[in-house]
Every structure is written in C-alpha cells, then in structure tokens.
Amino acid sequence: EGLLLAVQTIHRVCINSKATAHFFRRHHRDWLQKPQTWCLGNAPAREVFGKLVPETQGPFKWTLLVMDSTSPANAPSKKDRAAAGIAEGRGVEGIAEYKLLHTPRGRWRECFGEQLPI
C-alpha cells in the first residue's frame, strides 16, 4: 500500500492470473476490504474479489484487474485460431481478429488500449 500511496501516477493494479489473484486476496484481505479504495475493473477481478471488495459508487483510489496469463501454455493453438477464422468465413483476416480478441495478449490490449505494444 505504501508504494501505491507514494507513487501518485499508479492507477491500476494488474494481477497476471487468477491463481496469483487468489494469493493476493489471501494476503491482503484487510486492505482489499477498505471502503473507497478499489474498483474491480474486469470480470475476472469481480469473480475473484467480488465478495471481498466493497462496491464503490464514488471516487476510488485504484482499479484492480485480473489478467489472463500470457504464458505460451495458455495460448490457443494455430489450429484453433485457423478453425475460428474458417468458421467465421474470414480466412486470414479472421485469424488476425481472433488473435486480437481471444488470446491473452489481445485481452490485455483491451484493458490498456494502445498503451500496450503487441
């Protein structure tokens, strides 16, 4: 908490997987329960922290995000991407769209917009 208070430019806390988020929740339970501190920024964050973090209507200090792991073990195979493109009738164009929307890196980009170089 001290680091986040000291560095005023930090607005998001991004956790790289649900397993890590569960670890974070277990070790920072009291901090997570403070009112007006956290906003849950995506569906995985609401899934992991929803019962613990109070809902915030007014201003909050930080947004908490739980991101998909970018480990190659979690990436869809080329075969899956190709099948998605073919199923949509889009060929190579469909594969590129699939990569942006349905892979961990694509979902990270969704949260950060153009700030994340891929």
PDB file of N, CA and C in Angstrom:
ATOM      1  N   GLU A   1       0.833  -1.194   0.000  1.00  0.00           N
ATOM      2  CA  GLU A   1       0.000   0.000   0.000  1.00  0.00           C
ATOM      3  C   GLU A   1       0.871   1.249   0.000  1.00  0.00           C
ATOM      4  N   GLY A   2       1.996   1.185   0.698  1.00  0.00           N
ATOM      5  CA  GLY A   2       2.881   2.343   0.779  1.00  0.00           C
ATOM      6  C   GLY A   2       3.381   2.793  -0.581  1.00  0.00           C
ATOM      7  N   LEU A   3       3.742   1.847  -1.431  1.00  0.00           N
ATOM      8  CA  LEU A   3       4.212   2.188  -2.776  1.00  0.00           C
ATOM      9  C   LEU A   3       3.121   2.890  -3.568  1.00  0.00           C
ATOM     10  N   LEU A   4       1.912   2.373  -3.512  1.00  0.00           N
ATOM     11  CA  LEU A   4       0.819   2.973  -4.275  1.00  0.00           C
ATOM     12  C   LEU A   4       0.482   4.375  -3.776  1.00  0.00           C
ATOM     13  N   LEU A   5       0.590   4.588  -2.488  1.00  0.00           N
ATOM     14  CA  LEU A   5       0.346   5.923  -1.947  1.00  0.00           C
ATOM     15  C   LEU A   5       1.476   6.885  -2.301  1.00  0.00           C
ATOM     16  N   ALA A   6       2.694   6.373  -2.354  1.00  0.00           N
ATOM     17  CA  ALA A   6       3.854   7.221  -2.647  1.00  0.00           C
ATOM     18  C   ALA A   6       3.927   7.604  -4.124  1.00  0.00           C
ATOM     19  N   VAL A   7       3.501   6.726  -5.003  1.00  0.00           N
ATOM     20  CA  VAL A   7       3.580   6.985  -6.443  1.00  0.00           C
ATOM     21  C   VAL A   7       2.170   7.291  -6.949  1.00  0.00           C
ATOM     22  N   GLN A   8       1.859   8.563  -7.045  1.00  0.00           N
ATOM     23  CA  GLN A   8       0.500   9.004  -7.373  1.00  0.00           C
ATOM     24  C   GLN A   8       0.077   8.699  -8.811  1.00  0.00           C
ATOM     25  N   THR A   9       1.014   8.330  -9.677  1.00  0.00           N
ATOM     26  CA  THR A   9       0.675   8.048 -11.075  1.00  0.00           C
ATOM     27  C   THR A   9       0.175   6.621 -11.279  1.00  0.00           C
ATOM     28  N   ILE A  10       0.246   5.781 -10.271  1.00  0.00           N
ATOM     29  CA  ILE A  10      -0.263   4.412 -10.386  1.00  0.00           C
ATOM     30  C   ILE A  10      -1.768   4.433 -10.154  1.00  0.00           C
ATOM     31  N   HIS A  11      -2.510   3.966 -11.153  1.00  0.00           N
ATOM     32  CA  HIS A  11      -3.973   3.944 -11.055  1.00  0.00           C
ATOM     33  C   HIS A  11      -4.552   2.539 -11.153  1.00  0.00           C
ATOM     34  N   ARG A  12      -3.742   1.602 -11.665  1.00  0.00           N
ATOM     35  CA  ARG A  12      -4.214   0.231 -11.841  1.00  0.00           C
ATOM     36  C   ARG A  12      -3.252  -0.738 -11.178  1.00  0.00           C
ATOM     37  N   VAL A  13      -3.822  -1.770 -10.582  1.00  0.00           N
ATOM     38  CA  VAL A  13      -3.033  -2.892 -10.095  1.00  0.00           C
ATOM     39  C   VAL A  13      -3.478  -4.090 -10.922  1.00  0.00           C
ATOM     40  N   CYS A  14      -2.557  -4.617 -11.714  1.00  0.00           N
ATOM     41  CA  CYS A  14      -2.869  -5.725 -12.616  1.00  0.00           C
ATOM     42  C   CYS A  14      -2.204  -6.992 -12.093  1.00  0.00           C
ATOM     43  N   ILE A  15      -3.002  -7.996 -11.914  1.00  0.00           N
ATOM     44  CA  ILE A  15      -2.506  -9.282 -11.420  1.00  0.00           C
ATOM     45  C   ILE A  15      -2.556 -10.257 -12.585  1.00  0.00           C
ATOM     46  N   ASN A  16      -1.492 -11.012 -12.782  1.00  0.00           N
ATOM     47  CA  ASN A  16      -1.281 -11.774 -14.007  1.00  0.00           C
ATOM     48  C   ASN A  16      -2.043 -13.087 -14.133  1.00  0.00           C
ATOM     49  N   SER A  17      -2.741 -13.527 -13.134  1.00  0.00           N
ATOM     50  CA  SER A  17      -3.525 -14.759 -13.276  1.00  0.00           C
ATOM     51  C   SER A  17      -4.490 -14.872 -12.105  1.00  0.00           C
ATOM     52  N   LYS A  18      -5.482 -15.730 -12.259  1.00  0.00           N
ATOM     53  CA  LYS A  18      -6.423 -15.939 -11.161  1.00  0.00           C
ATOM     54  C   LYS A  18      -5.740 -16.588  -9.964  1.00  0.00           C
ATOM     55  N   ALA A  19      -4.783 -17.473 -10.220  1.00  0.00           N
ATOM     56  CA  ALA A  19      -4.070 -18.125  -9.113  1.00  0.00           C
ATOM     57  C   ALA A  19      -3.322 -17.083  -8.289  1.00  0.00           C
ATOM     58  N   THR A  20      -2.661 -16.154  -8.961  1.00  0.00           N
ATOM     59  CA  THR A  20      -1.947 -15.087  -8.266  1.00  0.00           C
ATOM     60  C   THR A  20      -2.932 -14.167  -7.549  1.00  0.00           C
ATOM     61  N   ALA A  21      -4.087 -13.928  -8.161  1.00  0.00           N
ATOM     62  CA  ALA A  21      -5.113 -13.088  -7.537  1.00  0.00           C
ATOM     63  C   ALA A  21      -5.627 -13.717  -6.241  1.00  0.00           C
ATOM     64  N   HIS A  22      -5.799 -15.024  -6.233  1.00  0.00           N
ATOM     65  CA  HIS A  22      -6.232 -15.701  -5.003  1.00  0.00           C
ATOM     66  C   HIS A  22      -5.170 -15.560  -3.918  1.00  0.00           C
ATOM     67  N   PHE A  23      -3.907 -15.661  -4.279  1.00  0.00           N
ATOM     68  CA  PHE A  23      -2.797 -15.465  -3.337  1.00  0.00           C
ATOM     69  C   PHE A  23      -2.834 -14.033  -2.792  1.00  0.00           C
ATOM     70  N   PHE A  24      -3.003 -13.042  -3.680  1.00  0.00           N
ATOM     71  CA  PHE A  24      -3.075 -11.631  -3.294  1.00  0.00           C
ATOM     72  C   PHE A  24      -4.243 -11.401  -2.340  1.00  0.00           C
ATOM     73  N   ARG A  25      -5.381 -11.993  -2.667  1.00  0.00           N
ATOM     74  CA  ARG A  25      -6.570 -11.844  -1.818  1.00  0.00           C
ATOM     75  C   ARG A  25      -6.324 -12.404  -0.417  1.00  0.00           C
ATOM     76  N   ARG A  26      -5.699 -13.551  -0.350  1.00  0.00           N
ATOM     77  CA  ARG A  26      -5.444 -14.185   0.941  1.00  0.00           C
ATOM     78  C   ARG A  26      -4.508 -13.337   1.806  1.00  0.00           C
ATOM     79  N   HIS A  27      -3.510 -12.713   1.201  1.00  0.00           N
ATOM     80  CA  HIS A  27      -2.507 -11.991   1.970  1.00  0.00           C
ATOM     81  C   HIS A  27      -2.804 -10.508   2.177  1.00  0.00           C
ATOM     82  N   HIS A  28      -3.792  -9.969   1.468  1.00  0.00           N
ATOM     83  CA  HIS A  28      -4.103  -8.537   1.605  1.00  0.00           C
ATOM     84  C   HIS A  28      -5.588  -8.307   1.875  1.00  0.00           C
ATOM     85  N   ARG A  29      -6.206  -9.233   2.560  1.00  0.00           N
ATOM     86  CA  ARG A  29      -7.645  -9.186   2.825  1.00  0.00           C
ATOM     87  C   ARG A  29      -8.089  -7.864   3.471  1.00  0.00           C
ATOM     88  N   ASP A  30      -7.392  -7.428   4.514  1.00  0.00           N
ATOM     89  CA  ASP A  30      -7.801  -6.199   5.222  1.00  0.00           C
ATOM     90  C   ASP A  30      -7.741  -4.979   4.306  1.00  0.00           C
ATOM     91  N   TRP A  31      -6.677  -4.887   3.526  1.00  0.00           N
ATOM     92  CA  TRP A  31      -6.507  -3.754   2.617  1.00  0.00           C
ATOM     93  C   TRP A  31      -7.596  -3.767   1.536  1.00  0.00           C
ATOM     94  N   LEU A  32      -7.915  -4.922   1.032  1.00  0.00           N
ATOM     95  CA  LEU A  32      -8.926  -5.034  -0.014  1.00  0.00           C
ATOM     96  C   LEU A  32     -10.320  -4.659   0.481  1.00  0.00           C
ATOM     97  N   GLN A  33     -10.564  -4.797   1.784  1.00  0.00           N
ATOM     98  CA  GLN A  33     -11.886  -4.511   2.337  1.00  0.00           C
ATOM     99  C   GLN A  33     -12.075  -3.045   2.718  1.00  0.00           C
ATOM    100  N   LYS A  34     -11.033  -2.225   2.586  1.00  0.00           N
ATOM    101  CA  LYS A  34     -11.174  -0.802   2.918  1.00  0.00           C
ATOM    102  C   LYS A  34     -12.133  -0.132   1.936  1.00  0.00           C
ATOM    103  N   PRO A  35     -13.113   0.616   2.454  1.00  0.00           N
ATOM    104  CA  PRO A  35     -14.062   1.302   1.567  1.00  0.00           C
ATOM    105  C   PRO A  35     -13.360   2.394   0.749  1.00  0.00           C
ATOM    106  N   GLN A  36     -13.917   2.685  -0.414  1.00  0.00           N
ATOM    107  CA  GLN A  36     -13.440   3.750  -1.306  1.00  0.00           C
ATOM    108  C   GLN A  36     -11.996   3.552  -1.759  1.00  0.00           C
ATOM    109  N   THR A  37     -11.523   2.317  -1.772  1.00  0.00           N
ATOM    110  CA  THR A  37     -10.145   2.068  -2.171  1.00  0.00           C
ATOM    111  C   THR A  37     -10.071   1.432  -3.546  1.00  0.00           C
ATOM    112  N   TRP A  38     -10.891   0.425  -3.811  1.00  0.00           N
ATOM    113  CA  TRP A  38     -10.764  -0.379  -5.024  1.00  0.00           C
ATOM    114  C   TRP A  38     -11.994  -0.311  -5.904  1.00  0.00           C
ATOM    115  N   CYS A  39     -11.766  -0.348  -7.196  1.00  0.00           N
ATOM    116  CA  CYS A  39     -12.798  -0.577  -8.197  1.00  0.00           C
ATOM    117  C   CYS A  39     -12.378  -1.836  -8.946  1.00  0.00           C
ATOM    118  N   LEU A  40     -13.269  -2.773  -9.102  1.00  0.00           N
ATOM    119  CA  LEU A  40     -12.950  -4.011  -9.811  1.00  0.00           C
ATOM    120  C   LEU A  40     -13.152  -3.772 -11.303  1.00  0.00           C
ATOM    121  N   GLY A  41     -12.052  -3.808 -12.059  1.00  0.00           N
ATOM    122  CA  GLY A  41     -12.048  -3.332 -13.433  1.00  0.00           C
ATOM    123  C   GLY A  41     -12.440  -4.313 -14.514  1.00  0.00           C
ATOM    124  N   ASN A  42     -12.548  -5.604 -14.200  1.00  0.00           N
ATOM    125  CA  ASN A  42     -12.955  -6.551 -15.245  1.00  0.00           C
ATOM    126  C   ASN A  42     -13.631  -7.760 -14.607  1.00  0.00           C
ATOM    127  N   ALA A  43     -14.217  -8.619 -15.448  1.00  0.00           N
ATOM    128  CA  ALA A  43     -14.980  -9.773 -14.961  1.00  0.00           C
ATOM    129  C   ALA A  43     -14.135 -10.730 -14.110  1.00  0.00           C
ATOM    130  N   PRO A  44     -12.904 -11.066 -14.504  1.00  0.00           N
ATOM    131  CA  PRO A  44     -12.109 -11.942 -13.635  1.00  0.00           C
ATOM    132  C   PRO A  44     -11.827 -11.326 -12.258  1.00  0.00           C
ATOM    133  N   ALA A  45     -11.653 -10.010 -12.193  1.00  0.00           N
ATOM    134  CA  ALA A  45     -11.442  -9.355 -10.898  1.00  0.00           C
ATOM    135  C   ALA A  45     -12.702  -9.458 -10.041  1.00  0.00           C
ATOM    136  N   ARG A  46     -13.865  -9.266 -10.672  1.00  0.00           N
ATOM    137  CA  ARG A  46     -15.125  -9.398  -9.919  1.00  0.00           C
ATOM    138  C   ARG A  46     -15.332 -10.830  -9.448  1.00  0.00           C
ATOM    139  N   GLU A  47     -14.904 -11.784 -10.262  1.00  0.00           N
ATOM    140  CA  GLU A  47     -15.040 -13.195  -9.898  1.00  0.00           C
ATOM    141  C   GLU A  47     -14.186 -13.536  -8.677  1.00  0.00           C
ATOM    142  N   VAL A  48     -12.950 -13.055  -8.634  1.00  0.00           N
ATOM    143  CA  VAL A  48     -12.027 -13.389  -7.547  1.00  0.00           C
ATOM    144  C   VAL A  48     -12.268 -12.531  -6.313  1.00  0.00           C
ATOM    145  N   PHE A  49     -12.504 -11.228  -6.498  1.00  0.00           N
ATOM    146  CA  PHE A  49     -12.561 -10.297  -5.375  1.00  0.00           C
ATOM    147  C   PHE A  49     -13.965  -9.786  -5.052  1.00  0.00           C
ATOM    148  N   GLY A  50     -14.967 -10.168  -5.837  1.00  0.00           N
ATOM    149  CA  GLY A  50     -16.306  -9.592  -5.717  1.00  0.00           C
ATOM    150  C   GLY A  50     -16.940  -9.662  -4.344  1.00  0.00           C
ATOM    151  N   LYS A  51     -16.771 -10.759  -3.639  1.00  0.00           N
ATOM    152  CA  LYS A  51     -17.387 -10.891  -2.314  1.00  0.00           C
ATOM    153  C   LYS A  51     -16.594 -10.162  -1.235  1.00  0.00           C
ATOM    154  N   LEU A  52     -15.361  -9.830  -1.522  1.00  0.00           N
ATOM    155  CA  LEU A  52     -14.475  -9.238  -0.528  1.00  0.00           C
ATOM    156  C   LEU A  52     -14.404  -7.718  -0.637  1.00  0.00           C
ATOM    157  N   VAL A  53     -14.313  -7.212  -1.850  1.00  0.00           N
ATOM    158  CA  VAL A  53     -14.136  -5.776  -2.072  1.00  0.00           C
ATOM    159  C   VAL A  53     -15.502  -5.095  -2.070  1.00  0.00           C
ATOM    160  N   PRO A  54     -15.680  -4.073  -1.208  1.00  0.00           N
ATOM    161  CA  PRO A  54     -16.968  -3.377  -1.180  1.00  0.00           C
ATOM    162  C   PRO A  54     -17.210  -2.649  -2.504  1.00  0.00           C
ATOM    163  N   GLU A  55     -18.461  -2.636  -2.962  1.00  0.00           N
ATOM    164  CA  GLU A  55     -18.793  -1.925  -4.194  1.00  0.00           C
ATOM    165  C   GLU A  55     -18.614  -0.431  -3.966  1.00  0.00           C
ATOM    166  N   THR A  56     -17.987   0.232  -4.935  1.00  0.00           N
ATOM    167  CA  THR A  56     -17.671   1.646  -4.809  1.00  0.00           C
ATOM    168  C   THR A  56     -18.526   2.447  -5.777  1.00  0.00           C
ATOM    169  N   GLN A  57     -19.281   3.392  -5.251  1.00  0.00           N
ATOM    170  CA  GLN A  57     -20.082   4.275  -6.098  1.00  0.00           C
ATOM    171  C   GLN A  57     -19.349   5.576  -6.381  1.00  0.00           C
ATOM    172  N   GLY A  58     -18.635   6.081  -5.405  1.00  0.00           N
ATOM    173  CA  GLY A  58     -17.956   7.362  -5.551  1.00  0.00           C
ATOM    174  C   GLY A  58     -16.532   7.188  -6.024  1.00  0.00           C
ATOM    175  N   PRO A  59     -15.689   8.129  -5.667  1.00  0.00           N
ATOM    176  CA  PRO A  59     -14.288   8.036  -6.082  1.00  0.00           C
ATOM    177  C   PRO A  59     -13.579   6.870  -5.387  1.00  0.00           C
ATOM    178  N   PHE A  60     -12.637   6.309  -6.080  1.00  0.00           N
ATOM    179  CA  PHE A  60     -11.831   5.229  -5.529  1.00  0.00           C
ATOM    180  C   PHE A  60     -10.384   5.514  -5.872  1.00  0.00           C
ATOM    181  N   LYS A  61      -9.460   4.825  -5.195  1.00  0.00           N
ATOM    182  CA  LYS A  61      -8.039   5.099  -5.396  1.00  0.00           C
ATOM    183  C   LYS A  61      -7.447   4.322  -6.559  1.00  0.00           C
ATOM    184  N   TRP A  62      -7.773   3.018  -6.659  1.00  0.00           N
ATOM    185  CA  TRP A  62      -7.131   2.178  -7.658  1.00  0.00           C
ATOM    186  C   TRP A  62      -8.126   1.217  -8.306  1.00  0.00           C
ATOM    187  N   THR A  63      -7.837   0.852  -9.539  1.00  0.00           N
ATOM    188  CA  THR A  63      -8.594  -0.171 -10.251  1.00  0.00           C
ATOM    189  C   THR A  63      -7.821  -1.470 -10.147  1.00  0.00           C
ATOM    190  N   LEU A  64      -8.509  -2.529  -9.808  1.00  0.00           N
ATOM    191  CA  LEU A  64      -7.896  -3.848  -9.673  1.00  0.00           C
ATOM    192  C   LEU A  64      -8.323  -4.705 -10.863  1.00  0.00           C
ATOM    193  N   LEU A  65      -7.342  -5.225 -11.596  1.00  0.00           N
ATOM    194  CA  LEU A  65      -7.599  -6.055 -12.767  1.00  0.00           C
ATOM    195  C   LEU A  65      -6.929  -7.407 -12.593  1.00  0.00           C
ATOM    196  N   VAL A  66      -7.610  -8.457 -13.006  1.00  0.00           N
ATOM    197  CA  VAL A  66      -7.013  -9.789 -13.048  1.00  0.00           C
ATOM    198  C   VAL A  66      -6.906 -10.148 -14.526  1.00  0.00           C
ATOM    199  N   MET A  67      -5.681 -10.284 -14.983  1.00  0.00           N
ATOM    200  CA  MET A  67      -5.421 -10.506 -16.394  1.00  0.00           C
ATOM    201  C   MET A  67      -5.188 -11.991 -16.666  1.00  0.00           C
ATOM    202  N   ASP A  68      -5.372 -12.368 -17.914  1.00  0.00           N
ATOM    203  CA  ASP A  68      -5.036 -13.726 -18.334  1.00  0.00           C
ATOM    204  C   ASP A  68      -3.525 -13.872 -18.339  1.00  0.00           C
ATOM    205  N   SER A  69      -3.063 -15.026 -17.984  1.00  0.00           N
ATOM    206  CA  SER A  69      -1.639 -15.298 -18.071  1.00  0.00           C
ATOM    207  C   SER A  69      -1.212 -15.249 -19.531  1.00  0.00           C
ATOM    208  N   THR A  70      -0.055 -14.667 -19.785  1.00  0.00           N
ATOM    209  CA  THR A  70       0.469 -14.617 -21.153  1.00  0.00           C
ATOM    210  C   THR A  70       1.441 -15.757 -21.416  1.00  0.00           C
ATOM    211  N   SER A  71       1.449 -16.732 -20.556  1.00  0.00           N
ATOM    212  CA  SER A  71       2.303 -17.895 -20.748  1.00  0.00           C
ATOM    213  C   SER A  71       1.942 -18.584 -22.064  1.00  0.00           C
ATOM    214  N   PRO A  72       2.935 -19.038 -22.815  1.00  0.00           N
ATOM    215  CA  PRO A  72       2.632 -19.764 -24.060  1.00  0.00           C
ATOM    216  C   PRO A  72       1.743 -20.989 -23.825  1.00  0.00           C
ATOM    217  N   ALA A  73       1.776 -21.536 -22.623  1.00  0.00           N
ATOM    218  CA  ALA A  73       0.948 -22.699 -22.321  1.00  0.00           C
ATOM    219  C   ALA A  73      -0.543 -22.355 -22.383  1.00  0.00           C
ATOM    220  N   ASN A  74      -0.894 -21.081 -22.211  1.00  0.00           N
ATOM    221  CA  ASN A  74      -2.297 -20.665 -22.242  1.00  0.00           C
ATOM    222  C   ASN A  74      -2.751 -20.169 -23.601  1.00  0.00           C
ATOM    223  N   ALA A  75      -1.851 -20.082 -24.547  1.00  0.00           N
ATOM    224  CA  ALA A  75      -2.205 -19.550 -25.863  1.00  0.00           C
ATOM    225  C   ALA A  75      -2.948 -20.604 -26.686  1.00  0.00           C
ATOM    226  N   PRO A  76      -3.957 -20.176 -27.438  1.00  0.00           N
ATOM    227  CA  PRO A  76      -4.635 -21.128 -28.316  1.00  0.00           C
ATOM    228  C   PRO A  76      -3.678 -21.588 -29.416  1.00  0.00           C
ATOM    229  N   SER A  77      -3.882 -22.775 -29.885  1.00  0.00           N
ATOM    230  CA  SER A  77      -3.013 -23.309 -30.926  1.00  0.00           C
ATOM    231  C   SER A  77      -3.320 -22.654 -32.272  1.00  0.00           C
ATOM    232  N   LYS A  78      -2.392 -22.782 -33.207  1.00  0.00           N
ATOM    233  CA  LYS A  78      -2.620 -22.260 -34.557  1.00  0.00           C
ATOM    234  C   LYS A  78      -3.841 -22.927 -35.177  1.00  0.00           C
ATOM    235  N   LYS A  79      -4.011 -24.195 -34.871  1.00  0.00           N
ATOM    236  CA  LYS A  79      -5.155 -24.940 -35.394  1.00  0.00           C
ATOM    237  C   LYS A  79      -6.467 -24.318 -34.891  1.00  0.00           C
ATOM    238  N   ASP A  80      -6.526 -23.966 -33.595  1.00  0.00           N
ATOM    239  CA  ASP A  80      -7.731 -23.343 -33.042  1.00  0.00           C
ATOM    240  C   ASP A  80      -7.996 -21.988 -33.691  1.00  0.00           C
ATOM    241  N   ARG A  81      -6.935 -21.190 -33.860  1.00  0.00           N
ATOM    242  CA  ARG A  81      -7.100 -19.876 -34.483  1.00  0.00           C
ATOM    243  C   ARG A  81      -7.573 -20.018 -35.928  1.00  0.00           C
ATOM    244  N   ALA A  82      -6.993 -20.965 -36.638  1.00  0.00           N
ATOM    245  CA  ALA A  82      -7.389 -21.179 -38.028  1.00  0.00           C
ATOM    246  C   ALA A  82      -8.845 -21.641 -38.105  1.00  0.00           C
ATOM    247  N   ALA A  83      -9.230 -22.539 -37.224  1.00  0.00           N
ATOM    248  CA  ALA A  83     -10.609 -23.032 -37.207  1.00  0.00           C
ATOM    249  C   ALA A  83     -11.579 -21.890 -36.936  1.00  0.00           C
ATOM    250  N   ALA A  84     -11.220 -20.978 -36.028  1.00  0.00           N
ATOM    251  CA  ALA A  84     -12.093 -19.837 -35.727  1.00  0.00           C
ATOM    252  C   ALA A  84     -12.246 -18.941 -36.947  1.00  0.00           C
ATOM    253  N   GLY A  85     -11.146 -18.699 -37.662  1.00  0.00           N
ATOM    254  CA  GLY A  85     -11.203 -17.869 -38.859  1.00  0.00           C
ATOM    255  C   GLY A  85     -12.029 -18.514 -39.956  1.00  0.00           C
ATOM    256  N   ILE A  86     -11.858 -19.812 -40.138  1.00  0.00           N
ATOM    257  CA  ILE A  86     -12.599 -20.534 -41.169  1.00  0.00           C
ATOM    258  C   ILE A  86     -14.081 -20.603 -40.810  1.00  0.00           C
ATOM    259  N   ALA A  87     -14.373 -20.824 -39.526  1.00  0.00           N
ATOM    260  CA  ALA A  87     -15.767 -20.916 -39.091  1.00  0.00           C
ATOM    261  C   ALA A  87     -16.498 -19.603 -39.350  1.00  0.00           C
ATOM    262  N   GLU A  88     -15.790 -18.491 -39.220  1.00  0.00           N
ATOM    263  CA  GLU A  88     -16.410 -17.194 -39.469  1.00  0.00           C
ATOM    264  C   GLU A  88     -16.361 -16.823 -40.944  1.00  0.00           C
ATOM    265  N   GLY A  89     -15.729 -17.663 -41.764  1.00  0.00           N
ATOM    266  CA  GLY A  89     -15.631 -17.381 -43.190  1.00  0.00           C
ATOM    267  C   GLY A  89     -14.711 -16.225 -43.509  1.00  0.00           C
ATOM    268  N   ARG A  90     -13.720 -15.991 -42.668  1.00  0.00           N
ATOM    269  CA  ARG A  90     -12.890 -14.813 -42.848  1.00  0.00           C
ATOM    270  C   ARG A  90     -11.449 -15.139 -43.210  1.00  0.00           C
ATOM    271  N   GLY A  91     -11.073 -16.401 -43.213  1.00  0.00           N
ATOM    272  CA  GLY A  91      -9.707 -16.779 -43.582  1.00  0.00           C
ATOM    273  C   GLY A  91      -8.655 -16.102 -42.737  1.00  0.00           C
ATOM    274  N   VAL A  92      -7.629 -15.580 -43.367  1.00  0.00           N
ATOM    275  CA  VAL A  92      -6.506 -14.946 -42.666  1.00  0.00           C
ATOM    276  C   VAL A  92      -6.974 -13.739 -41.867  1.00  0.00           C
ATOM    277  N   GLU A  93      -7.909 -12.983 -42.412  1.00  0.00           N
ATOM    278  CA  GLU A  93      -8.457 -11.823 -41.710  1.00  0.00           C
ATOM    279  C   GLU A  93      -9.098 -12.256 -40.387  1.00  0.00           C
ATOM    280  N   GLY A  94      -9.825 -13.363 -40.410  1.00  0.00           N
ATOM    281  CA  GLY A  94     -10.464 -13.889 -39.203  1.00  0.00           C
ATOM    282  C   GLY A  94      -9.460 -14.336 -38.173  1.00  0.00           C
ATOM    283  N   ILE A  95      -8.338 -14.897 -38.628  1.00  0.00           N
ATOM    284  CA  ILE A  95      -7.296 -15.332 -37.685  1.00  0.00           C
ATOM    285  C   ILE A  95      -6.700 -14.126 -36.971  1.00  0.00           C
ATOM    286  N   ALA A  96      -6.431 -13.059 -37.701  1.00  0.00           N
ATOM    287  CA  ALA A  96      -5.871 -11.851 -37.077  1.00  0.00           C
ATOM    288  C   ALA A  96      -6.847 -11.270 -36.056  1.00  0.00           C
ATOM    289  N   GLU A  97      -8.122 -11.235 -36.404  1.00  0.00           N
ATOM    290  CA  GLU A  97      -9.131 -10.724 -35.476  1.00  0.00           C
ATOM    291  C   GLU A  97      -9.230 -11.616 -34.243  1.00  0.00           C
ATOM    292  N   TYR A  98      -9.207 -12.919 -34.471  1.00  0.00           N
ATOM    293  CA  TYR A  98      -9.253 -13.867 -33.361  1.00  0.00           C
ATOM    294  C   TYR A  98      -8.079 -13.631 -32.416  1.00  0.00           C
ATOM    295  N   LYS A  99      -6.896 -13.425 -32.971  1.00  0.00           N
ATOM    296  CA  LYS A  99      -5.700 -13.219 -32.159  1.00  0.00           C
ATOM    297  C   LYS A  99      -5.847 -11.981 -31.287  1.00  0.00           C
ATOM    298  N   LEU A 100      -6.434 -10.925 -31.827  1.00  0.00           N
ATOM    299  CA  LEU A 100      -6.606  -9.699 -31.055  1.00  0.00           C
ATOM    300  C   LEU A 100      -7.683  -9.819 -29.987  1.00  0.00           C
ATOM    301  N   LEU A 101      -8.726 -10.575 -30.255  1.00  0.00           N
ATOM    302  CA  LEU A 101      -9.861 -10.619 -29.335  1.00  0.00           C
ATOM    303  C   LEU A 101      -9.870 -11.797 -28.375  1.00  0.00           C
ATOM    304  N   HIS A 102      -9.264 -12.920 -28.764  1.00  0.00           N
ATOM    305  CA  HIS A 102      -9.461 -14.144 -27.993  1.00  0.00           C
ATOM    306  C   HIS A 102      -8.182 -14.762 -27.440  1.00  0.00           C
ATOM    307  N   THR A 103      -7.109 -14.038 -27.448  1.00  0.00           N
ATOM    308  CA  THR A 103      -5.879 -14.549 -26.856  1.00  0.00           C
ATOM    309  C   THR A 103      -5.557 -13.704 -25.638  1.00  0.00           C
ATOM    310  N   PRO A 104      -4.756 -14.213 -24.714  1.00  0.00           N
ATOM    311  CA  PRO A 104      -4.422 -13.419 -23.532  1.00  0.00           C
ATOM    312  C   PRO A 104      -3.858 -12.038 -23.871  1.00  0.00           C
ATOM    313  N   ARG A 105      -2.946 -11.965 -24.833  1.00  0.00           N
ATOM    314  CA  ARG A 105      -2.381 -10.669 -25.200  1.00  0.00           C
ATOM    315  C   ARG A 105      -3.456  -9.729 -25.745  1.00  0.00           C
ATOM    316  N   GLY A 106      -4.387 -10.277 -26.512  1.00  0.00           N
ATOM    317  CA  GLY A 106      -5.473  -9.461 -27.039  1.00  0.00           C
ATOM    318  C   GLY A 106      -6.354  -8.909 -25.929  1.00  0.00           C
ATOM    319  N   ARG A 107      -6.637  -9.724 -24.935  1.00  0.00           N
ATOM    320  CA  ARG A 107      -7.461  -9.254 -23.809  1.00  0.00           C
ATOM    321  C   ARG A 107      -6.697  -8.242 -22.958  1.00  0.00           C
ATOM    322  N   TRP A 108      -5.366  -8.365 -22.854  1.00  0.00           N
ATOM    323  CA  TRP A 108      -4.571  -7.343 -22.164  1.00  0.00           C
ATOM    324  C   TRP A 108      -4.704  -6.026 -22.920  1.00  0.00           C
ATOM    325  N   ARG A 109      -4.609  -6.102 -24.253  1.00  0.00           N
ATOM    326  CA  ARG A 109      -4.704  -4.890 -25.067  1.00  0.00           C
ATOM    327  C   ARG A 109      -6.062  -4.220 -24.861  1.00  0.00           C
ATOM    328  N   GLU A 110      -7.112  -5.013 -24.700  1.00  0.00           N
ATOM    329  CA  GLU A 110      -8.447  -4.464 -24.469  1.00  0.00           C
ATOM    330  C   GLU A 110      -8.469  -3.599 -23.204  1.00  0.00           C
ATOM    331  N   CYS A 111      -7.759  -4.016 -22.170  1.00  0.00           N
ATOM    332  CA  CYS A 111      -7.732  -3.265 -20.919  1.00  0.00           C
ATOM    333  C   CYS A 111      -6.864  -2.006 -21.005  1.00  0.00           C
ATOM    334  N   PHE A 112      -5.807  -2.046 -21.815  1.00  0.00           N
ATOM    335  CA  PHE A 112      -4.858  -0.943 -21.839  1.00  0.00           C
ATOM    336  C   PHE A 112      -4.911  -0.118 -23.103  1.00  0.00           C
ATOM    337  N   GLY A 113      -5.712  -0.495 -24.062  1.00  0.00           N
ATOM    338  CA  GLY A 113      -5.801   0.264 -25.304  1.00  0.00           C
ATOM    339  C   GLY A 113      -4.484   0.269 -26.050  1.00  0.00           C
ATOM    340  N   GLU A 114      -4.160   1.366 -26.634  1.00  0.00           N
ATOM    341  CA  GLU A 114      -2.958   1.478 -27.454  1.00  0.00           C
ATOM    342  C   GLU A 114      -1.680   1.617 -26.621  1.00  0.00           C
ATOM    343  N   GLN A 115      -1.790   1.667 -25.310  1.00  0.00           N
ATOM    344  CA  GLN A 115      -0.613   1.790 -24.451  1.00  0.00           C
ATOM    345  C   GLN A 115       0.211   0.518 -24.424  1.00  0.00           C
ATOM    346  N   LEU A 116      -0.358  -0.597 -24.826  1.00  0.00           N
ATOM    347  CA  LEU A 116       0.328  -1.889 -24.746  1.00  0.00           C
ATOM    348  C   LEU A 116       0.821  -2.294 -26.129  1.00  0.00           C
ATOM    349  N   PRO A 117       2.133  -2.264 -26.345  1.00  0.00           N
ATOM    350  CA  PRO A 117       2.647  -2.712 -27.646  1.00  0.00           C
ATOM    351  C   PRO A 117       2.594  -4.225 -27.738  1.00  0.00           C
ATOM    352  N   ILE A 118       2.053  -4.727 -28.820  1.00  0.00           N
ATOM    353  CA  ILE A 118       1.998  -6.187 -29.026  1.00  0.00           C
ATOM    354  C   ILE A 118       2.773  -6.503 -30.288  1.00  0.00           C
TER     355      ILE A 118
END
